[in-house]
Every structure is written in C-alpha cells, then in structure tokens.
Amino acid sequence: MRNAPETTDRLREILELVREVRHDMNGPLTSVLGNVQLLLEDPAVTDADTRETLRDIQTDVRRLAGMIRRLSEVQPERTEGTTGA
C-alpha cells in the first residue's frame, strides 16, 4: 500500500496528465467540429450520404468534447487537515 505522500504525488501526476490531454484534445476537436459545421452549411454539399456522414462526425465530436469537458471537472479530494497531521 502506498503512503500518503506517494499517493498525493501520484494523484498530482494523474491530474496533470488529465489537464494535458484535455488541452491537447480541445484544439483538434474544435477544428474538426468547425470544419464539419462549415461543410454542412455549404450549399454545394448536396449528397445525402455525405451529409449523413458529416452529421455522424458532428455527433461523435460533440460527444468526445463532452467527455473532455468532464475531465476538467476531475478534482482531487481534499485531504489536508483531515488526518490530524
């Protein structure tokens, strides 16, 4: 079993990784979503199968963006002062 300082250090490492993943994923997801939206608004894109594929991509990207947003809600539990140390 890990002791408290090791656990705290590991938690900090994990939270930093979460922040990096969130940051690194937001840019490409925003770009993909923006480009899909532009294509859906383009009157030259008339093929039904293409438009359906674009809507599927839009749905999936929004779902991924929601997951990334939820990563920002990950916070460590406050343990300071609870052990009497």
N, C-alpha and C. Protein backbone atom coordinates (compact mmCIF):
# COMPACT_ATOMS: atom_id res chain seq x y z
N MET A 1 0.84 -1.17 0.00
CA MET A 1 0.00 0.00 0.00
C MET A 1 0.89 1.24 0.00
N ARG A 2 0.50 2.23 -0.76
CA ARG A 2 1.29 3.46 -0.85
C ARG A 2 1.03 4.32 0.38
N ASN A 3 2.06 5.07 0.75
CA ASN A 3 1.84 6.01 1.85
C ASN A 3 1.25 7.29 1.29
N ALA A 4 0.81 8.18 2.17
CA ALA A 4 0.09 9.39 1.77
C ALA A 4 0.89 10.28 0.82
N PRO A 5 2.19 10.56 1.08
CA PRO A 5 2.92 11.41 0.13
C PRO A 5 3.03 10.80 -1.27
N GLU A 6 3.25 9.47 -1.34
CA GLU A 6 3.32 8.81 -2.65
C GLU A 6 1.99 8.90 -3.37
N THR A 7 0.91 8.70 -2.65
CA THR A 7 -0.42 8.76 -3.23
C THR A 7 -0.71 10.17 -3.72
N THR A 8 -0.37 11.16 -2.92
CA THR A 8 -0.58 12.55 -3.31
C THR A 8 0.23 12.90 -4.54
N ASP A 9 1.49 12.48 -4.59
CA ASP A 9 2.32 12.74 -5.76
C ASP A 9 1.75 12.06 -7.00
N ARG A 10 1.30 10.85 -6.86
CA ARG A 10 0.73 10.11 -7.99
C ARG A 10 -0.55 10.79 -8.47
N LEU A 11 -1.37 11.24 -7.54
CA LEU A 11 -2.60 11.93 -7.90
C LEU A 11 -2.29 13.21 -8.66
N ARG A 12 -1.28 13.94 -8.22
CA ARG A 12 -0.87 15.16 -8.93
C ARG A 12 -0.43 14.83 -10.36
N GLU A 13 0.33 13.75 -10.52
CA GLU A 13 0.77 13.33 -11.85
C GLU A 13 -0.42 13.00 -12.74
N ILE A 14 -1.37 12.29 -12.20
CA ILE A 14 -2.56 11.91 -12.97
C ILE A 14 -3.36 13.15 -13.35
N LEU A 15 -3.54 14.07 -12.43
CA LEU A 15 -4.29 15.29 -12.72
C LEU A 15 -3.58 16.14 -13.77
N GLU A 16 -2.26 16.18 -13.72
CA GLU A 16 -1.51 16.92 -14.74
C GLU A 16 -1.69 16.27 -16.11
N LEU A 17 -1.68 14.95 -16.16
CA LEU A 17 -1.93 14.24 -17.41
C LEU A 17 -3.33 14.56 -17.93
N VAL A 18 -4.31 14.56 -17.06
CA VAL A 18 -5.68 14.90 -17.44
C VAL A 18 -5.73 16.29 -18.05
N ARG A 19 -5.06 17.26 -17.41
CA ARG A 19 -5.03 18.63 -17.93
C ARG A 19 -4.37 18.67 -19.31
N GLU A 20 -3.29 17.95 -19.48
CA GLU A 20 -2.59 17.94 -20.77
C GLU A 20 -3.46 17.31 -21.86
N VAL A 21 -4.10 16.20 -21.54
CA VAL A 21 -4.97 15.53 -22.51
C VAL A 21 -6.11 16.46 -22.89
N ARG A 22 -6.71 17.07 -21.90
CA ARG A 22 -7.84 17.99 -22.15
C ARG A 22 -7.38 19.11 -23.09
N HIS A 23 -6.25 19.71 -22.78
CA HIS A 23 -5.74 20.81 -23.59
C HIS A 23 -5.40 20.35 -25.01
N ASP A 24 -4.71 19.24 -25.12
CA ASP A 24 -4.26 18.75 -26.42
C ASP A 24 -5.42 18.26 -27.29
N MET A 25 -6.49 17.82 -26.69
CA MET A 25 -7.63 17.31 -27.45
C MET A 25 -8.60 18.42 -27.87
N ASN A 26 -8.69 19.48 -27.10
CA ASN A 26 -9.65 20.54 -27.40
C ASN A 26 -9.41 21.19 -28.74
N GLY A 27 -8.16 21.48 -29.07
CA GLY A 27 -7.85 22.15 -30.33
C GLY A 27 -8.30 21.35 -31.55
N PRO A 28 -7.85 20.11 -31.68
CA PRO A 28 -8.27 19.33 -32.85
C PRO A 28 -9.78 19.09 -32.89
N LEU A 29 -10.40 18.85 -31.75
CA LEU A 29 -11.85 18.63 -31.75
C LEU A 29 -12.59 19.89 -32.20
N THR A 30 -12.15 21.04 -31.75
CA THR A 30 -12.77 22.30 -32.16
C THR A 30 -12.61 22.50 -33.66
N SER A 31 -11.43 22.19 -34.17
CA SER A 31 -11.16 22.33 -35.60
C SER A 31 -12.05 21.40 -36.42
N VAL A 32 -12.12 20.15 -36.02
CA VAL A 32 -12.96 19.18 -36.75
C VAL A 32 -14.42 19.62 -36.71
N LEU A 33 -14.90 20.00 -35.55
CA LEU A 33 -16.31 20.40 -35.42
C LEU A 33 -16.59 21.63 -36.28
N GLY A 34 -15.69 22.61 -36.26
CA GLY A 34 -15.89 23.81 -37.07
C GLY A 34 -15.93 23.50 -38.55
N ASN A 35 -15.02 22.64 -39.01
CA ASN A 35 -14.99 22.29 -40.42
C ASN A 35 -16.22 21.49 -40.84
N VAL A 36 -16.68 20.60 -39.97
CA VAL A 36 -17.89 19.84 -40.28
C VAL A 36 -19.08 20.78 -40.37
N GLN A 37 -19.17 21.73 -39.46
CA GLN A 37 -20.28 22.68 -39.49
C GLN A 37 -20.25 23.51 -40.78
N LEU A 38 -19.05 23.94 -41.18
CA LEU A 38 -18.94 24.69 -42.44
C LEU A 38 -19.39 23.85 -43.63
N LEU A 39 -19.00 22.59 -43.66
CA LEU A 39 -19.42 21.72 -44.75
C LEU A 39 -20.92 21.49 -44.75
N LEU A 40 -21.51 21.35 -43.58
CA LEU A 40 -22.96 21.16 -43.50
C LEU A 40 -23.71 22.42 -43.97
N GLU A 41 -23.11 23.57 -43.79
CA GLU A 41 -23.74 24.83 -44.22
C GLU A 41 -23.47 25.14 -45.69
N ASP A 42 -22.55 24.42 -46.31
CA ASP A 42 -22.17 24.66 -47.71
C ASP A 42 -23.27 24.12 -48.63
N PRO A 43 -23.88 25.01 -49.43
CA PRO A 43 -24.94 24.54 -50.33
C PRO A 43 -24.44 23.60 -51.42
N ALA A 44 -23.14 23.58 -51.66
CA ALA A 44 -22.59 22.68 -52.68
C ALA A 44 -22.55 21.23 -52.20
N VAL A 45 -22.63 21.02 -50.89
CA VAL A 45 -22.62 19.66 -50.34
C VAL A 45 -24.06 19.18 -50.31
N THR A 46 -24.45 18.47 -51.36
CA THR A 46 -25.85 18.07 -51.51
C THR A 46 -26.07 16.56 -51.38
N ASP A 47 -24.99 15.79 -51.48
CA ASP A 47 -25.13 14.34 -51.43
C ASP A 47 -25.64 13.91 -50.05
N ALA A 48 -26.73 13.17 -50.04
CA ALA A 48 -27.36 12.76 -48.77
C ALA A 48 -26.44 11.90 -47.92
N ASP A 49 -25.72 10.98 -48.52
CA ASP A 49 -24.81 10.11 -47.76
C ASP A 49 -23.67 10.93 -47.13
N THR A 50 -23.17 11.89 -47.89
CA THR A 50 -22.11 12.74 -47.37
C THR A 50 -22.61 13.57 -46.20
N ARG A 51 -23.79 14.14 -46.32
CA ARG A 51 -24.36 14.95 -45.25
C ARG A 51 -24.64 14.09 -44.00
N GLU A 52 -25.10 12.86 -44.21
CA GLU A 52 -25.33 11.97 -43.08
C GLU A 52 -24.01 11.64 -42.38
N THR A 53 -22.98 11.38 -43.16
CA THR A 53 -21.66 11.11 -42.58
C THR A 53 -21.16 12.31 -41.79
N LEU A 54 -21.34 13.50 -42.34
CA LEU A 54 -20.93 14.72 -41.63
C LEU A 54 -21.69 14.89 -40.32
N ARG A 55 -22.98 14.60 -40.34
CA ARG A 55 -23.77 14.69 -39.09
C ARG A 55 -23.31 13.65 -38.07
N ASP A 56 -22.94 12.46 -38.55
CA ASP A 56 -22.40 11.43 -37.64
C ASP A 56 -21.09 11.91 -37.01
N ILE A 57 -20.23 12.50 -37.84
CA ILE A 57 -18.97 13.03 -37.32
C ILE A 57 -19.26 14.13 -36.29
N GLN A 58 -20.18 15.01 -36.61
CA GLN A 58 -20.54 16.10 -35.70
C GLN A 58 -21.02 15.55 -34.36
N THR A 59 -21.86 14.55 -34.39
CA THR A 59 -22.37 13.94 -33.17
C THR A 59 -21.24 13.32 -32.35
N ASP A 60 -20.38 12.58 -33.02
CA ASP A 60 -19.27 11.93 -32.31
C ASP A 60 -18.29 12.94 -31.72
N VAL A 61 -17.99 13.99 -32.48
CA VAL A 61 -17.07 15.01 -31.97
C VAL A 61 -17.68 15.73 -30.77
N ARG A 62 -18.95 16.02 -30.83
CA ARG A 62 -19.61 16.66 -29.68
C ARG A 62 -19.58 15.75 -28.45
N ARG A 63 -19.76 14.46 -28.67
CA ARG A 63 -19.70 13.50 -27.57
C ARG A 63 -18.30 13.49 -26.96
N LEU A 64 -17.28 13.46 -27.81
CA LEU A 64 -15.90 13.49 -27.32
C LEU A 64 -15.60 14.80 -26.59
N ALA A 65 -16.09 15.90 -27.12
CA ALA A 65 -15.88 17.20 -26.48
C ALA A 65 -16.52 17.21 -25.09
N GLY A 66 -17.68 16.59 -24.96
CA GLY A 66 -18.33 16.49 -23.66
C GLY A 66 -17.50 15.67 -22.68
N MET A 67 -16.91 14.60 -23.17
CA MET A 67 -16.04 13.79 -22.31
C MET A 67 -14.83 14.59 -21.86
N ILE A 68 -14.26 15.36 -22.78
CA ILE A 68 -13.11 16.19 -22.44
C ILE A 68 -13.50 17.26 -21.43
N ARG A 69 -14.68 17.84 -21.60
CA ARG A 69 -15.17 18.83 -20.63
C ARG A 69 -15.30 18.21 -19.25
N ARG A 70 -15.80 16.98 -19.20
CA ARG A 70 -15.95 16.31 -17.90
C ARG A 70 -14.60 16.06 -17.24
N LEU A 71 -13.56 15.89 -18.05
CA LEU A 71 -12.22 15.74 -17.48
C LEU A 71 -11.83 16.98 -16.68
N SER A 72 -12.31 18.14 -17.09
CA SER A 72 -11.96 19.36 -16.38
C SER A 72 -12.62 19.40 -15.00
N GLU A 73 -13.62 18.57 -14.81
CA GLU A 73 -14.31 18.52 -13.52
C GLU A 73 -13.60 17.61 -12.52
N VAL A 74 -12.60 16.85 -12.99
CA VAL A 74 -11.87 15.95 -12.11
C VAL A 74 -11.04 16.79 -11.15
N GLN A 75 -11.29 16.62 -9.89
CA GLN A 75 -10.58 17.36 -8.86
C GLN A 75 -10.15 16.37 -7.78
N PRO A 76 -9.01 16.61 -7.18
CA PRO A 76 -8.59 15.72 -6.09
C PRO A 76 -9.47 15.95 -4.87
N GLU A 77 -9.65 14.90 -4.12
CA GLU A 77 -10.36 15.05 -2.86
C GLU A 77 -9.47 15.82 -1.89
N ARG A 78 -10.06 16.70 -1.16
CA ARG A 78 -9.30 17.48 -0.20
C ARG A 78 -9.03 16.61 1.03
N THR A 79 -7.75 16.35 1.26
CA THR A 79 -7.41 15.51 2.41
C THR A 79 -6.62 16.29 3.45
N GLU A 80 -6.23 17.53 3.11
CA GLU A 80 -5.43 18.31 4.05
C GLU A 80 -6.24 18.60 5.30
N GLY A 81 -5.64 18.39 6.42
CA GLY A 81 -6.30 18.71 7.67
C GLY A 81 -7.26 17.65 8.16
N THR A 82 -7.44 16.57 7.39
CA THR A 82 -8.39 15.56 7.80
C THR A 82 -7.72 14.42 8.56
N THR A 83 -6.38 14.38 8.53
CA THR A 83 -5.69 13.26 9.19
C THR A 83 -5.17 13.64 10.56
N GLY A 84 -5.35 14.90 10.94
CA GLY A 84 -4.85 15.32 12.23
C GLY A 84 -3.38 15.59 12.25
N ALA A 85 -2.73 15.54 11.05
CA ALA A 85 -1.29 15.79 10.97
C ALA A 85 -1.01 17.26 10.82
